[in-house]
């Protein structure tokens, strides 16, 4: 029988080396795990939806909606070659377009515009009632983007709480500005600063045939030394335009309202003040109209009541 010298037994199949103790990948402890175990854990963890929370509400977004795809194989390879206690980062930066699209969605979902103080009517004494302003908020896009990117690279994630920045209203009760209240029945015009009375004037309003309209309007046009042009009305048939000057029916100032053809203006006919004498406009003494012109602006609310 021949001796089989020098022939070795087949070597046992070599097992893959596990990760060193204390190694983490994206915050997930993988020490002692093999490559396939680590790969499975990372795919499950990094593929899970990202959780968002704000003011008691929670919602999720899948990583693919955010444009994220983690480099799992690269992270596994680095974990297997890492020294004891090494923290291995996962490359999971999302693509710009999907992420920006989701940030715009969050902005629409979470942003609340501030509400300016506003005129809501008159009280029983015919003084303006101003509704209070309210603050708003907008999404801090830069900070929220950074939060999302950071959590997408973590295998043990924490909820993202979008960062909101408060926004202030432009107009408050304290800064509301002028409001004009006209009492058609008593031929009085009052200027308010918000709800505070500033000054009251006698005026002339429309005749019964040409009544001054009631309602809430605003100053839409302001003219210094205006021309007067005949309106398209039977009472003005055959009349010619009047240039600025002493005989101008509008005096020296015109404050046209959002009610068509109606305005507040001076008049050379001071004797009409206190009466229903106009063709719908609100007449003032010329010095009074000039003073008022300096204290209002386009957009000033004008409330006309029948009282």
C-alpha atoms as a PDB file:
ATOM      1  CA  UNK A   1       0.000   0.000   0.000  1.00  0.00           C
ATOM      2  CA  UNK A   2       1.419   3.325  -1.036  1.00  0.00           C
ATOM      3  CA  UNK A   3       1.763   6.061   1.585  1.00  0.00           C
ATOM      4  CA  UNK A   4       0.057   9.393   0.706  1.00  0.00           C
ATOM      5  CA  UNK A   5       2.778  11.613   2.072  1.00  0.00           C
ATOM      6  CA  UNK A   6       2.433  15.378   1.894  1.00  0.00           C
ATOM      7  CA  UNK A   7      -1.330  15.454   1.172  1.00  0.00           C
ATOM      8  CA  UNK A   8      -3.215  17.769   3.619  1.00  0.00           C
ATOM      9  CA  UNK A   9      -6.894  17.503   4.593  1.00  0.00           C
ATOM     10  CA  UNK A  10      -9.235  20.110   2.963  1.00  0.00           C
ATOM     11  CA  UNK A  11      -9.320  23.402   4.922  1.00  0.00           C
ATOM     12  CA  UNK A  12     -12.578  24.345   6.601  1.00  0.00           C
ATOM     13  CA  UNK A  13     -14.511  27.109   4.790  1.00  0.00           C
ATOM     14  CA  UNK A  14     -13.381  30.474   6.190  1.00  0.00           C
ATOM     15  CA  UNK A  15     -16.132  32.514   7.938  1.00  0.00           C
ATOM     16  CA  UNK A  16     -16.332  36.347   7.321  1.00  0.00           C
ATOM     17  CA  UNK A  17     -14.846  38.375  10.163  1.00  0.00           C
ATOM     18  CA  UNK A  18     -17.403  40.369  12.219  1.00  0.00           C
ATOM     19  CA  UNK A  19     -17.163  44.061  13.013  1.00  0.00           C
ATOM     20  CA  UNK A  20     -14.930  44.980  15.918  1.00  0.00           C
ATOM     21  CA  UNK A  21     -16.501  45.608  19.355  1.00  0.00           C
ATOM     22  CA  UNK A  22     -18.025  49.044  19.904  1.00  0.00           C
ATOM     23  CA  UNK A  23     -18.309  49.893  16.196  1.00  0.00           C
ATOM     24  CA  UNK A  24     -21.415  51.884  15.273  1.00  0.00           C
ATOM     25  CA  UNK A  25     -22.847  52.752  11.864  1.00  0.00           C
ATOM     26  CA  UNK A  26     -25.102  55.790  11.723  1.00  0.00           C
ATOM     27  CA  UNK A  27     -25.555  55.489  15.496  1.00  0.00           C
ATOM     28  CA  UNK A  28     -26.466  51.763  15.301  1.00  0.00           C
ATOM     29  CA  UNK A  29     -24.249  49.371  17.322  1.00  0.00           C
ATOM     30  CA  UNK A  30     -22.927  46.628  14.992  1.00  0.00           C
ATOM     31  CA  UNK A  31     -19.960  45.241  16.969  1.00  0.00           C
ATOM     32  CA  UNK A  32     -19.764  41.461  16.502  1.00  0.00           C
ATOM     33  CA  UNK A  33     -22.158  41.487  13.541  1.00  0.00           C
ATOM     34  CA  UNK A  34     -21.226  40.035  10.147  1.00  0.00           C
ATOM     35  CA  UNK A  35     -21.468  41.936   6.894  1.00  0.00           C
ATOM     36  CA  UNK A  36     -24.836  40.445   5.959  1.00  0.00           C
ATOM     37  CA  UNK A  37     -26.285  41.173   9.392  1.00  0.00           C
ATOM     38  CA  UNK A  38     -25.081  44.772   9.261  1.00  0.00           C
ATOM     39  CA  UNK A  39     -26.386  45.215   5.726  1.00  0.00           C
ATOM     40  CA  UNK A  40     -29.835  43.916   6.658  1.00  0.00           C
ATOM     41  CA  UNK A  41     -30.027  46.113   9.765  1.00  0.00           C
ATOM     42  CA  UNK A  42     -28.992  49.254   7.873  1.00  0.00           C
ATOM     43  CA  UNK A  43     -31.378  48.692   4.981  1.00  0.00           C
ATOM     44  CA  UNK A  44     -34.270  48.215   7.362  1.00  0.00           C
ATOM     45  CA  UNK A  45     -33.358  51.202   9.536  1.00  0.00           C
ATOM     46  CA  UNK A  46     -32.319  53.660   6.806  1.00  0.00           C
ATOM     47  CA  UNK A  47     -35.273  52.687   4.602  1.00  0.00           C
ATOM     48  CA  UNK A  48     -37.825  53.443   7.317  1.00  0.00           C
ATOM     49  CA  UNK A  49     -39.922  56.609   6.984  1.00  0.00           C
ATOM     50  CA  UNK A  50     -38.627  59.766   8.612  1.00  0.00           C
ATOM     51  CA  UNK A  51     -40.942  60.941  11.380  1.00  0.00           C
ATOM     52  CA  UNK A  52     -41.945  64.591  11.798  1.00  0.00           C
ATOM     53  CA  UNK A  53     -43.640  66.043  14.857  1.00  0.00           C
ATOM     54  CA  UNK A  54     -45.011  69.475  15.682  1.00  0.00           C
ATOM     55  CA  UNK A  55     -47.484  70.671  18.303  1.00  0.00           C
ATOM     56  CA  UNK A  56     -48.823  67.182  18.967  1.00  0.00           C
ATOM     57  CA  UNK A  57     -49.200  66.233  15.312  1.00  0.00           C
ATOM     58  CA  UNK A  58     -46.994  63.564  13.739  1.00  0.00           C
ATOM     59  CA  UNK A  59     -46.531  62.499  10.124  1.00  0.00           C
ATOM     60  CA  UNK A  60     -44.030  60.484   8.091  1.00  0.00           C
ATOM     61  CA  UNK A  61     -42.096  60.870   4.852  1.00  0.00           C
ATOM     62  CA  UNK A  62     -40.370  58.016   3.073  1.00  0.00           C
ATOM     63  CA  UNK A  63     -36.682  58.559   2.280  1.00  0.00           C
ATOM     64  CA  UNK A  64     -37.324  58.193  -1.452  1.00  0.00           C
ATOM     65  CA  UNK A  65     -39.786  61.115  -1.293  1.00  0.00           C
ATOM     66  CA  UNK A  66     -36.942  63.152   0.154  1.00  0.00           C
ATOM     67  CA  UNK A  67     -34.562  61.977  -2.571  1.00  0.00           C
ATOM     68  CA  UNK A  68     -32.391  60.004  -0.151  1.00  0.00           C
ATOM     69  CA  UNK A  69     -30.598  56.734  -0.907  1.00  0.00           C
ATOM     70  CA  UNK A  70     -28.052  55.597   1.680  1.00  0.00           C
ATOM     71  CA  UNK A  71     -24.693  54.142   0.616  1.00  0.00           C
ATOM     72  CA  UNK A  72     -25.237  50.974   2.649  1.00  0.00           C
ATOM     73  CA  UNK A  73     -22.544  48.778   1.023  1.00  0.00           C
ATOM     74  CA  UNK A  74     -19.886  51.440   1.531  1.00  0.00           C
ATOM     75  CA  UNK A  75     -20.875  51.820   5.189  1.00  0.00           C
ATOM     76  CA  UNK A  76     -20.753  48.049   5.715  1.00  0.00           C
ATOM     77  CA  UNK A  77     -17.271  47.776   4.183  1.00  0.00           C
ATOM     78  CA  UNK A  78     -15.950  50.585   6.380  1.00  0.00           C
ATOM     79  CA  UNK A  79     -17.565  49.089   9.488  1.00  0.00           C
ATOM     80  CA  UNK A  80     -15.867  45.733   8.932  1.00  0.00           C
ATOM     81  CA  UNK A  81     -12.464  47.393   8.688  1.00  0.00           C
ATOM     82  CA  UNK A  82     -12.999  49.875  11.510  1.00  0.00           C
ATOM     83  CA  UNK A  83     -11.129  49.743  14.782  1.00  0.00           C
ATOM     84  CA  UNK A  84     -12.796  49.079  18.106  1.00  0.00           C
ATOM     85  CA  UNK A  85     -15.167  51.877  19.138  1.00  0.00           C
ATOM     86  CA  UNK A  86     -15.209  53.630  15.754  1.00  0.00           C
ATOM     87  CA  UNK A  87     -18.347  55.567  14.758  1.00  0.00           C
ATOM     88  CA  UNK A  88     -18.898  55.054  11.023  1.00  0.00           C
ATOM     89  CA  UNK A  89     -20.982  57.665   9.223  1.00  0.00           C
ATOM     90  CA  UNK A  90     -23.456  56.799   6.481  1.00  0.00           C
ATOM     91  CA  UNK A  91     -23.459  58.801   3.270  1.00  0.00           C
ATOM     92  CA  UNK A  92     -27.167  59.541   2.752  1.00  0.00           C
ATOM     93  CA  UNK A  93     -27.352  63.083   1.355  1.00  0.00           C
ATOM     94  CA  UNK A  94     -30.672  63.547  -0.482  1.00  0.00           C
ATOM     95  CA  UNK A  95     -30.973  64.874  -4.004  1.00  0.00           C
ATOM     96  CA  UNK A  96     -31.661  68.596  -4.126  1.00  0.00           C
ATOM     97  CA  UNK A  97     -34.860  68.655  -6.196  1.00  0.00           C
ATOM     98  CA  UNK A  98     -36.958  66.173  -4.150  1.00  0.00           C
ATOM     99  CA  UNK A  99     -35.770  67.634  -0.856  1.00  0.00           C
ATOM    100  CA  UNK A 100     -36.570  71.211  -1.887  1.00  0.00           C
ATOM    101  CA  UNK A 101     -39.970  70.041  -3.108  1.00  0.00           C
ATOM    102  CA  UNK A 102     -40.717  68.537   0.299  1.00  0.00           C
ATOM    103  CA  UNK A 103     -39.528  71.678   2.075  1.00  0.00           C
ATOM    104  CA  UNK A 104     -41.961  73.710  -0.034  1.00  0.00           C
ATOM    105  CA  UNK A 105     -44.692  71.279   1.014  1.00  0.00           C
ATOM    106  CA  UNK A 106     -43.770  71.812   4.671  1.00  0.00           C
ATOM    107  CA  UNK A 107     -43.782  75.564   4.140  1.00  0.00           C
ATOM    108  CA  UNK A 108     -47.324  75.434   2.734  1.00  0.00           C
ATOM    109  CA  UNK A 109     -48.448  73.089   5.499  1.00  0.00           C
ATOM    110  CA  UNK A 110     -46.980  74.947   8.443  1.00  0.00           C
ATOM    111  CA  UNK A 111     -46.694  78.625   7.505  1.00  0.00           C
ATOM    112  CA  UNK A 112     -49.409  80.898   8.877  1.00  0.00           C
ATOM    113  CA  UNK A 113     -49.555  84.460   7.590  1.00  0.00           C
ATOM    114  CA  UNK A 114     -49.787  87.191  10.226  1.00  0.00           C
ATOM    115  CA  UNK A 115     -53.118  88.988  10.424  1.00  0.00           C
ATOM    116  CA  UNK A 116     -53.136  92.769  10.446  1.00  0.00           C
ATOM    117  CA  UNK A 117     -55.455  94.739  12.675  1.00  0.00           C
ATOM    118  CA  UNK A 118     -58.560  95.571  10.658  1.00  0.00           C
ATOM    119  CA  UNK A 119     -61.649  97.743  10.726  1.00  0.00           C
ATOM    120  CA  UNK A 120     -64.670  95.520  11.405  1.00  0.00           C
ATOM    121  CA  UNK A 121     -67.370  98.148  11.818  1.00  0.00           C
ATOM    122  CA  UNK A 122     -68.637 100.828  14.177  1.00  0.00           C
ATOM    123  CA  UNK A 123     -69.807 100.554  17.760  1.00  0.00           C
ATOM    124  CA  UNK A 124     -73.071 101.900  19.153  1.00  0.00           C
ATOM    125  CA  UNK A 125     -71.537 105.376  19.376  1.00  0.00           C
ATOM    126  CA  UNK A 126     -70.390 105.155  15.741  1.00  0.00           C
ATOM    127  CA  UNK A 127     -66.722 104.862  16.655  1.00  0.00           C
ATOM    128  CA  UNK A 128     -64.488 102.531  14.629  1.00  0.00           C
ATOM    129  CA  UNK A 129     -64.064  99.009  15.982  1.00  0.00           C
ATOM    130  CA  UNK A 130     -60.594  97.657  15.213  1.00  0.00           C
ATOM    131  CA  UNK A 131     -60.018  93.891  15.398  1.00  0.00           C
ATOM    132  CA  UNK A 132     -56.725  92.956  16.998  1.00  0.00           C
ATOM    133  CA  UNK A 133     -53.752  91.796  14.991  1.00  0.00           C
ATOM    134  CA  UNK A 134     -52.359  88.253  15.264  1.00  0.00           C
ATOM    135  CA  UNK A 135     -48.792  87.021  14.747  1.00  0.00           C
ATOM    136  CA  UNK A 136     -47.910  84.454  12.100  1.00  0.00           C
ATOM    137  CA  UNK A 137     -45.088  82.022  11.472  1.00  0.00           C
ATOM    138  CA  UNK A 138     -42.957  80.744   8.623  1.00  0.00           C
ATOM    139  CA  UNK A 139     -40.779  77.707   8.125  1.00  0.00           C
ATOM    140  CA  UNK A 140     -37.069  78.168   8.832  1.00  0.00           C
ATOM    141  CA  UNK A 141     -36.049  76.325   5.681  1.00  0.00           C
ATOM    142  CA  UNK A 142     -32.319  76.294   6.321  1.00  0.00           C
ATOM    143  CA  UNK A 143     -32.538  74.786   9.814  1.00  0.00           C
ATOM    144  CA  UNK A 144     -35.240  72.276   8.864  1.00  0.00           C
ATOM    145  CA  UNK A 145     -33.240  71.150   5.827  1.00  0.00           C
ATOM    146  CA  UNK A 146     -30.221  70.504   8.041  1.00  0.00           C
ATOM    147  CA  UNK A 147     -32.361  68.508  10.500  1.00  0.00           C
ATOM    148  CA  UNK A 148     -33.719  66.296   7.710  1.00  0.00           C
ATOM    149  CA  UNK A 149     -30.286  65.644   6.198  1.00  0.00           C
ATOM    150  CA  UNK A 150     -28.852  64.725   9.606  1.00  0.00           C
ATOM    151  CA  UNK A 151     -31.628  62.260  10.452  1.00  0.00           C
ATOM    152  CA  UNK A 152     -31.556  60.578   7.040  1.00  0.00           C
ATOM    153  CA  UNK A 153     -27.956  59.522   7.802  1.00  0.00           C
ATOM    154  CA  UNK A 154     -28.898  58.003  11.166  1.00  0.00           C
ATOM    155  CA  UNK A 155     -29.933  54.390  11.600  1.00  0.00           C
ATOM    156  CA  UNK A 156     -31.393  55.242  15.013  1.00  0.00           C
ATOM    157  CA  UNK A 157     -33.444  58.287  14.166  1.00  0.00           C
ATOM    158  CA  UNK A 158     -35.139  60.909  16.228  1.00  0.00           C
ATOM    159  CA  UNK A 159     -38.263  62.750  15.058  1.00  0.00           C
ATOM    160  CA  UNK A 160     -37.682  65.969  13.128  1.00  0.00           C
ATOM    161  CA  UNK A 161     -39.414  69.000  14.629  1.00  0.00           C
ATOM    162  CA  UNK A 162     -39.528  71.640  11.881  1.00  0.00           C
ATOM    163  CA  UNK A 163     -38.161  74.991  12.989  1.00  0.00           C
ATOM    164  CA  UNK A 164     -40.680  77.846  12.765  1.00  0.00           C
ATOM    165  CA  UNK A 165     -39.887  81.540  12.906  1.00  0.00           C
ATOM    166  CA  UNK A 166     -42.521  84.013  14.169  1.00  0.00           C
ATOM    167  CA  UNK A 167     -43.663  86.746  11.789  1.00  0.00           C
ATOM    168  CA  UNK A 168     -45.222  90.034  12.840  1.00  0.00           C
ATOM    169  CA  UNK A 169     -48.218  91.817  11.357  1.00  0.00           C
ATOM    170  CA  UNK A 170     -47.543  95.103   9.608  1.00  0.00           C
ATOM    171  CA  UNK A 171     -50.536  96.885  11.146  1.00  0.00           C
ATOM    172  CA  UNK A 172     -51.480  96.741  14.822  1.00  0.00           C
ATOM    173  CA  UNK A 173     -54.239  98.403  16.789  1.00  0.00           C
ATOM    174  CA  UNK A 174     -51.683 100.881  18.049  1.00  0.00           C
ATOM    175  CA  UNK A 175     -50.533 101.779  14.520  1.00  0.00           C
ATOM    176  CA  UNK A 176     -53.808 101.342  12.627  1.00  0.00           C
ATOM    177  CA  UNK A 177     -53.934 104.830  11.142  1.00  0.00           C
ATOM    178  CA  UNK A 178     -56.765 107.094  10.008  1.00  0.00           C
ATOM    179  CA  UNK A 179     -60.436 106.141   9.672  1.00  0.00           C
ATOM    180  CA  UNK A 180     -63.087 108.531   8.387  1.00  0.00           C
ATOM    181  CA  UNK A 181     -66.677 108.246   9.628  1.00  0.00           C
ATOM    182  CA  UNK A 182     -69.314 110.338   7.836  1.00  0.00           C
ATOM    183  CA  UNK A 183     -72.773 110.841   9.342  1.00  0.00           C
ATOM    184  CA  UNK A 184     -74.933 111.585   6.367  1.00  0.00           C
ATOM    185  CA  UNK A 185     -78.036 112.552   8.349  1.00  0.00           C
ATOM    186  CA  UNK A 186     -76.237 115.055  10.567  1.00  0.00           C
ATOM    187  CA  UNK A 187     -73.711 116.158   7.909  1.00  0.00           C
ATOM    188  CA  UNK A 188     -70.672 115.490  10.060  1.00  0.00           C
ATOM    189  CA  UNK A 189     -67.283 113.997   9.159  1.00  0.00           C
ATOM    190  CA  UNK A 190     -65.069 112.618  11.923  1.00  0.00           C
ATOM    191  CA  UNK A 191     -61.439 111.598  11.552  1.00  0.00           C
ATOM    192  CA  UNK A 192     -60.176 108.879  13.878  1.00  0.00           C
ATOM    193  CA  UNK A 193     -56.736 107.454  14.537  1.00  0.00           C
ATOM    194  CA  UNK A 194     -57.818 103.866  14.938  1.00  0.00           C
ATOM    195  CA  UNK A 195     -60.596 104.204  17.519  1.00  0.00           C
ATOM    196  CA  UNK A 196     -59.412 107.562  18.893  1.00  0.00           C
ATOM    197  CA  UNK A 197     -61.258 110.678  17.738  1.00  0.00           C
ATOM    198  CA  UNK A 198     -58.950 113.283  16.221  1.00  0.00           C
ATOM    199  CA  UNK A 199     -61.233 115.943  14.761  1.00  0.00           C
ATOM    200  CA  UNK A 200     -64.802 116.497  13.541  1.00  0.00           C
ATOM    201  CA  UNK A 201     -65.962 118.737  10.670  1.00  0.00           C
ATOM    202  CA  UNK A 202     -69.251 119.947   9.307  1.00  0.00           C
ATOM    203  CA  UNK A 203     -69.858 118.808   5.720  1.00  0.00           C
ATOM    204  CA  UNK A 204     -72.477 118.851   3.010  1.00  0.00           C
ATOM    205  CA  UNK A 205     -73.797 115.526   1.679  1.00  0.00           C
ATOM    206  CA  UNK A 206     -76.023 114.515  -1.199  1.00  0.00           C
ATOM    207  CA  UNK A 207     -79.482 115.784  -1.967  1.00  0.00           C
ATOM    208  CA  UNK A 208     -82.389 113.344  -1.692  1.00  0.00           C
ATOM    209  CA  UNK A 209     -82.301 112.978  -5.475  1.00  0.00           C
ATOM    210  CA  UNK A 210     -78.548 112.322  -5.458  1.00  0.00           C
ATOM    211  CA  UNK A 211     -77.899 110.696  -2.069  1.00  0.00           C
ATOM    212  CA  UNK A 212     -74.447 110.019  -0.754  1.00  0.00           C
ATOM    213  CA  UNK A 213     -74.120 106.199  -0.618  1.00  0.00           C
ATOM    214  CA  UNK A 214     -73.832 104.446   2.726  1.00  0.00           C
ATOM    215  CA  UNK A 215     -71.380 101.636   3.412  1.00  0.00           C
ATOM    216  CA  UNK A 216     -67.669 101.057   3.927  1.00  0.00           C
ATOM    217  CA  UNK A 217     -65.364 102.422   1.245  1.00  0.00           C
ATOM    218  CA  UNK A 218     -61.792 103.660   1.004  1.00  0.00           C
ATOM    219  CA  UNK A 219     -59.930 106.582  -0.450  1.00  0.00           C
ATOM    220  CA  UNK A 220     -58.897 105.500  -3.938  1.00  0.00           C
ATOM    221  CA  UNK A 221     -57.563 108.726  -5.462  1.00  0.00           C
ATOM    222  CA  UNK A 222     -56.054 111.956  -4.109  1.00  0.00           C
ATOM    223  CA  UNK A 223     -55.539 115.080  -6.209  1.00  0.00           C
ATOM    224  CA  UNK A 224     -53.942 118.402  -5.353  1.00  0.00           C
ATOM    225  CA  UNK A 225     -55.604 121.372  -7.107  1.00  0.00           C
ATOM    226  CA  UNK A 226     -57.819 119.099  -9.217  1.00  0.00           C
ATOM    227  CA  UNK A 227     -59.665 119.790 -12.433  1.00  0.00           C
ATOM    228  CA  UNK A 228     -63.432 119.357 -12.309  1.00  0.00           C
ATOM    229  CA  UNK A 229     -64.909 117.316 -15.145  1.00  0.00           C
ATOM    230  CA  UNK A 230     -68.664 117.077 -15.740  1.00  0.00           C
ATOM    231  CA  UNK A 231     -69.914 113.650 -14.648  1.00  0.00           C
ATOM    232  CA  UNK A 232     -72.058 111.486 -16.904  1.00  0.00           C
ATOM    233  CA  UNK A 233     -75.277 112.668 -15.308  1.00  0.00           C
ATOM    234  CA  UNK A 234     -78.250 114.698 -16.475  1.00  0.00           C
ATOM    235  CA  UNK A 235     -77.585 117.523 -14.037  1.00  0.00           C
ATOM    236  CA  UNK A 236     -74.158 118.134 -15.632  1.00  0.00           C
ATOM    237  CA  UNK A 237     -75.278 118.177 -19.279  1.00  0.00           C
ATOM    238  CA  UNK A 238     -73.757 121.054 -21.207  1.00  0.00           C
ATOM    239  CA  UNK A 239     -71.220 121.967 -18.526  1.00  0.00           C
ATOM    240  CA  UNK A 240     -67.541 122.374 -19.367  1.00  0.00           C
ATOM    241  CA  UNK A 241     -64.476 121.226 -17.412  1.00  0.00           C
ATOM    242  CA  UNK A 242     -63.186 123.709 -14.839  1.00  0.00           C
ATOM    243  CA  UNK A 243     -59.430 124.107 -14.280  1.00  0.00           C
ATOM    244  CA  UNK A 244     -57.876 124.626 -10.832  1.00  0.00           C
ATOM    245  CA  UNK A 245     -58.671 128.034  -9.409  1.00  0.00           C
ATOM    246  CA  UNK A 246     -61.011 129.991  -7.154  1.00  0.00           C
ATOM    247  CA  UNK A 247     -64.210 128.884  -8.916  1.00  0.00           C
ATOM    248  CA  UNK A 248     -63.422 125.165  -9.074  1.00  0.00           C
ATOM    249  CA  UNK A 249     -66.349 123.144  -7.599  1.00  0.00           C
ATOM    250  CA  UNK A 250     -63.852 120.779  -5.961  1.00  0.00           C
ATOM    251  CA  UNK A 251     -61.941 123.495  -4.182  1.00  0.00           C
ATOM    252  CA  UNK A 252     -58.229 122.731  -3.864  1.00  0.00           C
ATOM    253  CA  UNK A 253     -58.294 119.061  -2.785  1.00  0.00           C
ATOM    254  CA  UNK A 254     -60.016 115.904  -4.043  1.00  0.00           C
ATOM    255  CA  UNK A 255     -60.155 112.589  -2.170  1.00  0.00           C
ATOM    256  CA  UNK A 256     -62.004 110.187  -4.409  1.00  0.00           C
ATOM    257  CA  UNK A 257     -63.678 107.162  -2.832  1.00  0.00           C
ATOM    258  CA  UNK A 258     -63.982 103.599  -4.050  1.00  0.00           C
ATOM    259  CA  UNK A 259     -67.677 104.389  -4.552  1.00  0.00           C
ATOM    260  CA  UNK A 260     -67.845 105.427  -8.218  1.00  0.00           C
ATOM    261  CA  UNK A 261     -68.103 109.181  -8.777  1.00  0.00           C
ATOM    262  CA  UNK A 262     -68.125 110.042  -5.067  1.00  0.00           C
ATOM    263  CA  UNK A 263     -65.406 111.922  -3.238  1.00  0.00           C
ATOM    264  CA  UNK A 264     -64.550 114.196  -0.360  1.00  0.00           C
ATOM    265  CA  UNK A 265     -63.520 117.654  -1.538  1.00  0.00           C
ATOM    266  CA  UNK A 266     -63.432 121.321  -0.748  1.00  0.00           C
ATOM    267  CA  UNK A 267     -66.079 123.692  -1.978  1.00  0.00           C
ATOM    268  CA  UNK A 268     -66.190 127.424  -2.675  1.00  0.00           C
ATOM    269  CA  UNK A 269     -69.863 127.291  -1.584  1.00  0.00           C
ATOM    270  CA  UNK A 270     -69.276 127.299   2.155  1.00  0.00           C
ATOM    271  CA  UNK A 271     -72.949 128.162   2.747  1.00  0.00           C
ATOM    272  CA  UNK A 272     -73.900 124.599   1.734  1.00  0.00           C
ATOM    273  CA  UNK A 273     -72.001 123.063   4.659  1.00  0.00           C
ATOM    274  CA  UNK A 274     -74.406 121.435   7.111  1.00  0.00           C
ATOM    275  CA  UNK A 275     -77.013 120.651   4.467  1.00  0.00           C
ATOM    276  CA  UNK A 276     -77.900 117.880   2.025  1.00  0.00           C
ATOM    277  CA  UNK A 277     -76.885 119.973  -0.946  1.00  0.00           C
ATOM    278  CA  UNK A 278     -74.441 118.051  -3.153  1.00  0.00           C
ATOM    279  CA  UNK A 279     -74.865 115.598  -6.014  1.00  0.00           C
ATOM    280  CA  UNK A 280     -73.555 112.737  -3.847  1.00  0.00           C
ATOM    281  CA  UNK A 281     -70.097 113.964  -2.857  1.00  0.00           C
ATOM    282  CA  UNK A 282     -69.016 115.100   0.594  1.00  0.00           C
ATOM    283  CA  UNK A 283     -68.208 118.800   0.568  1.00  0.00           C
ATOM    284  CA  UNK A 284     -65.915 120.469   3.094  1.00  0.00           C
ATOM    285  CA  UNK A 285     -64.781 123.994   3.688  1.00  0.00           C
ATOM    286  CA  UNK A 286     -61.598 124.511   1.699  1.00  0.00           C
ATOM    287  CA  UNK A 287     -59.262 124.884   4.744  1.00  0.00           C
ATOM    288  CA  UNK A 288     -60.847 121.778   6.304  1.00  0.00           C
ATOM    289  CA  UNK A 289     -60.361 119.729   3.130  1.00  0.00           C
ATOM    290  CA  UNK A 290     -56.747 120.870   2.915  1.00  0.00           C
ATOM    291  CA  UNK A 291     -56.143 119.795   6.537  1.00  0.00           C
ATOM    292  CA  UNK A 292     -57.825 116.424   6.019  1.00  0.00           C
ATOM    293  CA  UNK A 293     -55.835 115.833   2.823  1.00  0.00           C
ATOM    294  CA  UNK A 294     -52.631 115.982   4.898  1.00  0.00           C
ATOM    295  CA  UNK A 295     -53.865 113.403   7.417  1.00  0.00           C
ATOM    296  CA  UNK A 296     -55.181 110.605   5.185  1.00  0.00           C
ATOM    297  CA  UNK A 297     -53.793 108.466   2.367  1.00  0.00           C
ATOM    298  CA  UNK A 298     -54.915 106.222  -0.453  1.00  0.00           C
ATOM    299  CA  UNK A 299     -56.469 103.210   1.235  1.00  0.00           C
ATOM    300  CA  UNK A 300     -57.837 105.084   4.261  1.00  0.00           C
ATOM    301  CA  UNK A 301     -61.183 103.468   5.156  1.00  0.00           C
ATOM    302  CA  UNK A 302     -64.295 105.642   4.936  1.00  0.00           C
ATOM    303  CA  UNK A 303     -67.516 104.554   6.641  1.00  0.00           C
ATOM    304  CA  UNK A 304     -70.687 106.418   5.671  1.00  0.00           C
ATOM    305  CA  UNK A 305     -73.799 105.913   7.814  1.00  0.00           C
ATOM    306  CA  UNK A 306     -77.273 107.365   7.559  1.00  0.00           C
ATOM    307  CA  UNK A 307     -77.338 108.695  11.139  1.00  0.00           C
END
